[in-house]
Structure formats: C-alpha cells, structure tokens
N, C-alpha and C. Protein backbone atom coordinates (compact mmCIF):
# COMPACT_ATOMS: atom_id res chain seq x y z
N MET A 1 0.84 -1.17 0.00
CA MET A 1 0.00 0.00 0.00
C MET A 1 0.89 1.24 0.00
N ARG A 2 0.41 2.29 -0.57
CA ARG A 2 1.17 3.53 -0.66
C ARG A 2 1.15 4.28 0.67
N THR A 3 2.34 4.66 1.15
CA THR A 3 2.48 5.36 2.43
C THR A 3 2.14 6.84 2.26
N PRO A 4 2.02 7.58 3.36
CA PRO A 4 1.81 9.03 3.25
C PRO A 4 2.97 9.74 2.55
N ALA A 5 4.14 9.13 2.53
CA ALA A 5 5.29 9.71 1.83
C ALA A 5 5.29 9.38 0.34
N GLY A 6 4.36 8.56 -0.12
CA GLY A 6 4.24 8.24 -1.54
C GLY A 6 5.02 7.02 -1.99
N LYS A 7 5.51 6.22 -1.06
CA LYS A 7 6.28 5.02 -1.40
C LYS A 7 5.43 3.77 -1.13
N GLU A 8 5.72 2.70 -1.85
CA GLU A 8 5.02 1.44 -1.62
C GLU A 8 5.67 0.70 -0.46
N CYS A 9 4.86 0.23 0.48
CA CYS A 9 5.36 -0.52 1.62
C CYS A 9 4.32 -1.55 2.03
N ARG A 10 4.74 -2.80 2.19
CA ARG A 10 3.78 -3.84 2.55
C ARG A 10 3.41 -3.81 4.03
N TYR A 11 4.13 -3.06 4.83
CA TYR A 11 3.83 -2.98 6.25
C TYR A 11 2.87 -1.85 6.60
N PHE A 12 2.66 -0.91 5.68
CA PHE A 12 1.74 0.19 5.94
C PHE A 12 0.32 -0.24 5.62
N TYR A 13 -0.63 0.14 6.50
CA TYR A 13 -2.03 -0.17 6.27
C TYR A 13 -2.86 1.09 6.51
N GLY A 14 -3.72 1.37 5.56
CA GLY A 14 -4.62 2.51 5.69
C GLY A 14 -6.04 2.09 5.36
N ASP A 15 -6.98 2.41 6.22
CA ASP A 15 -8.39 2.10 6.00
C ASP A 15 -9.13 3.41 5.80
N TYR A 16 -9.56 3.67 4.56
CA TYR A 16 -10.22 4.92 4.22
C TYR A 16 -11.67 4.68 3.78
N TYR A 17 -12.20 3.53 4.07
CA TYR A 17 -13.55 3.17 3.64
C TYR A 17 -14.59 4.03 4.35
N ARG A 18 -15.45 4.68 3.59
CA ARG A 18 -16.55 5.52 4.08
C ARG A 18 -16.10 6.56 5.10
N GLY A 19 -15.04 7.25 4.76
CA GLY A 19 -14.59 8.36 5.59
C GLY A 19 -13.68 8.01 6.74
N ARG A 20 -13.39 6.74 6.94
CA ARG A 20 -12.45 6.37 8.01
C ARG A 20 -11.05 6.84 7.63
N GLU A 21 -10.27 7.12 8.60
CA GLU A 21 -8.89 7.51 8.37
C GLU A 21 -7.99 6.78 9.36
N HIS A 22 -8.04 5.46 9.31
CA HIS A 22 -7.21 4.65 10.20
C HIS A 22 -5.95 4.25 9.45
N GLU A 23 -4.78 4.63 9.98
CA GLU A 23 -3.49 4.30 9.37
C GLU A 23 -2.60 3.70 10.45
N GLU A 24 -1.78 2.71 10.05
CA GLU A 24 -0.86 2.09 10.99
C GLU A 24 0.32 1.49 10.23
N CYS A 25 1.39 1.31 10.95
CA CYS A 25 2.56 0.60 10.44
C CYS A 25 2.59 -0.74 11.15
N ARG A 26 2.39 -1.79 10.41
CA ARG A 26 2.33 -3.12 11.02
C ARG A 26 3.70 -3.64 11.42
N LEU A 27 4.75 -3.08 10.86
CA LEU A 27 6.10 -3.46 11.28
C LEU A 27 6.35 -2.96 12.70
N LEU A 28 5.96 -1.73 12.99
CA LEU A 28 6.18 -1.18 14.33
C LEU A 28 5.16 -1.72 15.33
N ASN A 29 3.97 -2.09 14.88
CA ASN A 29 2.99 -2.70 15.78
C ASN A 29 3.41 -4.10 16.20
N ALA A 30 4.18 -4.79 15.36
CA ALA A 30 4.63 -6.14 15.68
C ALA A 30 5.84 -6.15 16.61
N ALA A 31 6.46 -4.99 16.81
CA ALA A 31 7.63 -4.92 17.68
C ALA A 31 7.21 -5.17 19.13
N ALA A 32 8.15 -5.59 19.92
CA ALA A 32 7.88 -5.83 21.34
C ALA A 32 8.70 -4.84 22.17
N PRO A 33 8.14 -3.91 22.84
CA PRO A 33 6.73 -3.51 22.89
C PRO A 33 6.36 -2.74 21.63
N PRO A 34 5.06 -2.66 21.29
CA PRO A 34 4.66 -1.93 20.09
C PRO A 34 5.10 -0.47 20.15
N GLN A 35 5.60 0.02 19.03
CA GLN A 35 6.11 1.39 18.96
C GLN A 35 5.00 2.33 18.47
N ARG A 36 5.03 3.57 18.91
CA ARG A 36 4.05 4.56 18.49
C ARG A 36 4.43 5.08 17.11
N TRP A 37 3.51 4.95 16.16
CA TRP A 37 3.75 5.36 14.78
C TRP A 37 3.04 6.67 14.50
N THR A 38 3.70 7.56 13.77
CA THR A 38 3.09 8.78 13.26
C THR A 38 3.43 8.89 11.78
N ARG A 39 2.66 9.70 11.06
CA ARG A 39 2.81 9.82 9.60
C ARG A 39 4.20 10.34 9.20
N ASP A 40 4.82 11.16 10.01
CA ASP A 40 6.11 11.75 9.64
C ASP A 40 7.23 10.71 9.62
N LEU A 41 7.06 9.56 10.26
CA LEU A 41 8.10 8.52 10.23
C LEU A 41 8.26 7.93 8.83
N CYS A 42 7.21 7.97 8.01
CA CYS A 42 7.27 7.38 6.67
C CYS A 42 8.22 8.14 5.73
N THR A 43 8.48 9.41 5.99
CA THR A 43 9.34 10.17 5.09
C THR A 43 10.79 9.71 5.15
N THR A 44 11.26 9.27 6.31
CA THR A 44 12.65 8.85 6.45
C THR A 44 12.80 7.35 6.67
N CYS A 45 11.72 6.60 6.54
CA CYS A 45 11.76 5.16 6.81
C CYS A 45 12.55 4.43 5.71
N PRO A 46 13.50 3.55 6.09
CA PRO A 46 14.29 2.83 5.11
C PRO A 46 13.60 1.58 4.55
N VAL A 47 12.47 1.18 5.11
CA VAL A 47 11.83 -0.08 4.74
C VAL A 47 11.39 -0.14 3.27
N PRO A 48 10.73 0.88 2.70
CA PRO A 48 10.35 0.78 1.28
C PRO A 48 11.54 0.59 0.35
N ALA A 49 12.66 1.23 0.62
CA ALA A 49 13.85 1.05 -0.22
C ALA A 49 14.42 -0.35 -0.05
N ILE A 50 14.38 -0.89 1.15
CA ILE A 50 14.87 -2.25 1.39
C ILE A 50 14.00 -3.26 0.65
N LEU A 51 12.69 -3.10 0.73
CA LEU A 51 11.78 -4.02 0.06
C LEU A 51 11.90 -3.94 -1.46
N LEU A 52 12.23 -2.77 -1.97
CA LEU A 52 12.43 -2.61 -3.41
C LEU A 52 13.73 -3.26 -3.86
N ALA A 53 14.76 -3.21 -3.03
CA ALA A 53 16.07 -3.76 -3.38
C ALA A 53 16.17 -5.26 -3.14
N ASN A 54 15.49 -5.77 -2.13
CA ASN A 54 15.65 -7.17 -1.74
C ASN A 54 14.27 -7.77 -1.44
N ALA A 55 13.85 -8.71 -2.25
CA ALA A 55 12.56 -9.35 -2.07
C ALA A 55 12.70 -10.77 -1.56
N CYS A 56 13.73 -11.07 -0.82
CA CYS A 56 13.97 -12.41 -0.31
C CYS A 56 12.87 -12.79 0.68
N PRO A 57 12.19 -13.91 0.47
CA PRO A 57 11.12 -14.30 1.40
C PRO A 57 11.64 -14.79 2.75
N GLU A 58 12.92 -15.09 2.84
CA GLU A 58 13.50 -15.58 4.10
C GLU A 58 13.92 -14.44 5.03
N MET A 59 13.99 -13.20 4.53
CA MET A 59 14.43 -12.08 5.34
C MET A 59 13.26 -11.52 6.15
N VAL A 60 13.48 -11.37 7.43
CA VAL A 60 12.49 -10.80 8.34
C VAL A 60 13.06 -9.48 8.86
N LEU A 61 12.24 -8.44 8.84
CA LEU A 61 12.66 -7.14 9.34
C LEU A 61 12.04 -6.89 10.70
N GLU A 62 12.84 -6.34 11.60
CA GLU A 62 12.37 -5.94 12.92
C GLU A 62 12.57 -4.44 13.04
N GLY A 63 11.49 -3.71 13.25
CA GLY A 63 11.57 -2.26 13.30
C GLY A 63 11.53 -1.71 14.71
N GLN A 64 12.12 -0.55 14.85
CA GLN A 64 12.18 0.12 16.14
C GLN A 64 12.26 1.62 15.88
N VAL A 65 11.58 2.41 16.70
CA VAL A 65 11.64 3.86 16.60
C VAL A 65 12.71 4.36 17.55
N ILE A 66 13.65 5.12 17.02
CA ILE A 66 14.73 5.66 17.85
C ILE A 66 14.80 7.17 17.68
N ARG A 67 15.45 7.81 18.60
CA ARG A 67 15.77 9.23 18.51
C ARG A 67 17.27 9.33 18.75
N PRO A 68 18.07 9.54 17.67
CA PRO A 68 19.53 9.51 17.81
C PRO A 68 20.05 10.52 18.84
N PHE A 69 19.53 11.72 18.80
CA PHE A 69 19.89 12.75 19.76
C PHE A 69 18.60 13.42 20.22
N PRO A 70 18.57 13.98 21.41
CA PRO A 70 17.33 14.57 21.91
C PRO A 70 16.75 15.67 21.01
N PHE A 71 17.57 16.34 20.24
CA PHE A 71 17.08 17.45 19.42
C PHE A 71 16.76 17.04 17.99
N LEU A 72 16.94 15.77 17.63
CA LEU A 72 16.62 15.30 16.28
C LEU A 72 15.26 14.61 16.26
N LYS A 73 14.69 14.49 15.06
CA LYS A 73 13.40 13.83 14.90
C LYS A 73 13.54 12.32 15.12
N ARG A 74 12.41 11.70 15.41
CA ARG A 74 12.39 10.24 15.57
C ARG A 74 12.59 9.59 14.21
N GLN A 75 13.24 8.41 14.20
CA GLN A 75 13.52 7.67 12.97
C GLN A 75 13.21 6.20 13.19
N VAL A 76 12.99 5.51 12.07
CA VAL A 76 12.78 4.07 12.12
C VAL A 76 14.12 3.38 11.88
N GLN A 77 14.49 2.48 12.77
CA GLN A 77 15.70 1.69 12.63
C GLN A 77 15.27 0.25 12.37
N VAL A 78 15.91 -0.39 11.38
CA VAL A 78 15.51 -1.73 10.97
C VAL A 78 16.67 -2.69 11.20
N LYS A 79 16.34 -3.86 11.77
CA LYS A 79 17.31 -4.93 11.94
C LYS A 79 16.85 -6.12 11.10
N PRO A 80 17.69 -6.60 10.18
CA PRO A 80 17.30 -7.75 9.36
C PRO A 80 17.67 -9.07 10.05
N TYR A 81 16.95 -10.10 9.68
CA TYR A 81 17.23 -11.45 10.18
C TYR A 81 16.86 -12.44 9.09
N CYS A 82 17.73 -13.40 8.82
CA CYS A 82 17.49 -14.41 7.81
C CYS A 82 17.03 -15.70 8.49
N ARG A 83 15.85 -16.19 8.12
CA ARG A 83 15.33 -17.41 8.73
C ARG A 83 16.06 -18.65 8.22
N LYS A 84 16.60 -18.60 7.01
CA LYS A 84 17.26 -19.76 6.43
C LYS A 84 18.62 -20.01 7.08
N THR A 85 19.43 -18.96 7.22
CA THR A 85 20.77 -19.11 7.77
C THR A 85 20.84 -18.79 9.27
N GLN A 86 19.73 -18.31 9.84
CA GLN A 86 19.68 -17.96 11.26
C GLN A 86 20.70 -16.89 11.62
N ARG A 87 20.85 -15.91 10.73
CA ARG A 87 21.84 -14.84 10.94
C ARG A 87 21.16 -13.48 10.94
N GLY A 88 21.83 -12.54 11.54
CA GLY A 88 21.41 -11.14 11.53
C GLY A 88 22.63 -10.29 11.22
N ASN A 89 22.50 -9.00 11.39
CA ASN A 89 23.62 -8.06 11.20
C ASN A 89 24.24 -8.14 9.81
N PHE A 90 23.42 -8.01 8.79
CA PHE A 90 23.91 -7.89 7.42
C PHE A 90 23.17 -6.73 6.78
N ASP A 91 23.66 -6.30 5.63
CA ASP A 91 23.03 -5.19 4.92
C ASP A 91 21.71 -5.67 4.33
N PRO A 92 20.58 -5.13 4.77
CA PRO A 92 19.30 -5.63 4.27
C PRO A 92 19.05 -5.32 2.81
N HIS A 93 19.73 -4.34 2.24
CA HIS A 93 19.57 -4.04 0.82
C HIS A 93 20.15 -5.16 -0.05
N ILE A 94 21.18 -5.83 0.45
CA ILE A 94 21.87 -6.89 -0.31
C ILE A 94 21.39 -8.26 0.11
N GLY A 95 21.24 -8.49 1.40
CA GLY A 95 20.84 -9.79 1.91
C GLY A 95 21.98 -10.47 2.63
N CYS A 96 21.74 -11.69 3.08
CA CYS A 96 22.75 -12.41 3.86
C CYS A 96 23.85 -12.99 2.99
N GLY A 97 23.57 -13.19 1.71
CA GLY A 97 24.57 -13.74 0.81
C GLY A 97 24.46 -15.24 0.62
N GLU A 98 23.64 -15.91 1.39
CA GLU A 98 23.49 -17.36 1.27
C GLU A 98 22.25 -17.74 0.46
N CYS A 99 21.17 -17.01 0.64
CA CYS A 99 19.92 -17.35 -0.05
C CYS A 99 20.03 -17.11 -1.55
N HIS A 100 20.60 -16.00 -1.91
CA HIS A 100 20.75 -15.63 -3.32
C HIS A 100 22.20 -15.20 -3.51
N THR A 101 22.98 -16.05 -4.14
CA THR A 101 24.39 -15.75 -4.32
C THR A 101 24.56 -14.64 -5.34
N LEU A 102 25.63 -13.86 -5.18
CA LEU A 102 25.93 -12.78 -6.10
C LEU A 102 26.60 -13.32 -7.36
N PRO A 103 26.41 -12.65 -8.49
CA PRO A 103 27.12 -13.06 -9.72
C PRO A 103 28.63 -12.85 -9.54
N PRO A 104 29.46 -13.55 -10.31
CA PRO A 104 30.91 -13.47 -10.16
C PRO A 104 31.52 -12.06 -10.17
N PRO A 105 31.06 -11.12 -11.00
CA PRO A 105 31.69 -9.79 -10.94
C PRO A 105 31.48 -9.09 -9.61
N PHE A 106 30.42 -9.43 -8.89
CA PHE A 106 30.14 -8.76 -7.62
C PHE A 106 30.55 -9.59 -6.42
N ASP A 107 31.08 -10.76 -6.63
CA ASP A 107 31.48 -11.64 -5.53
C ASP A 107 32.65 -11.02 -4.79
N LYS A 108 32.59 -11.01 -3.47
CA LYS A 108 33.64 -10.40 -2.64
C LYS A 108 34.86 -11.29 -2.48
N ALA A 109 34.71 -12.57 -2.73
CA ALA A 109 35.81 -13.50 -2.49
C ALA A 109 36.88 -13.47 -3.52
C-alpha cells in the first residue's frame, strides 16, 4: 500500500472506507513492545527502499523507533534477520549472501 510519503510498503495499512482515516505501520505494531507510529516517520523510513532492493522471502525485518539525539526527529531503525541461515547483522539491501548468491563480478571472495 502507498504510504503518506508516496512510497510502496507492505507494512503500511490505511483504512479509508466511508470516511475512516485509520493508518498504521504493522512493522512497528509487531515490535515488542509496540512502537508509536506517526505519519512523519514514513518520510525517512528505510523499509520501502529495502523491500524494493531485496525481495527475499527468508528475510524478516524488525523495526524500532529511535531518537539519535534529543534534538533530532524520531527515525525508524531496521534490523534484518534471515530465517534460512539464522543470521542477523547484514546489509538488508543486499541480503545475507546465502539465499541468493551474487554473480561473479560482484562476488567479494
């Protein structure tokens, strides 16, 4: 569904049927504890770009709302996790490297 920032995101949900204006981020609602979502978080959220770059069905994203410094705006921080390799801490735009191997010109080895 299209976010208030104009990007496609599968975690955003908006119900506008018959004048309703219910919007939520299901990624942040699934966090433990659930995070408070506001429309302004969608402008800087990295999730739509990650989903556009990497469509691996084994990758699970865990979202969290952070404030880097007290005077900066709140931001969404994403932690990836691969269910196949049981690993985390990799670049979510690229993936873990095990599910979908890179072609030889891009191989790091």
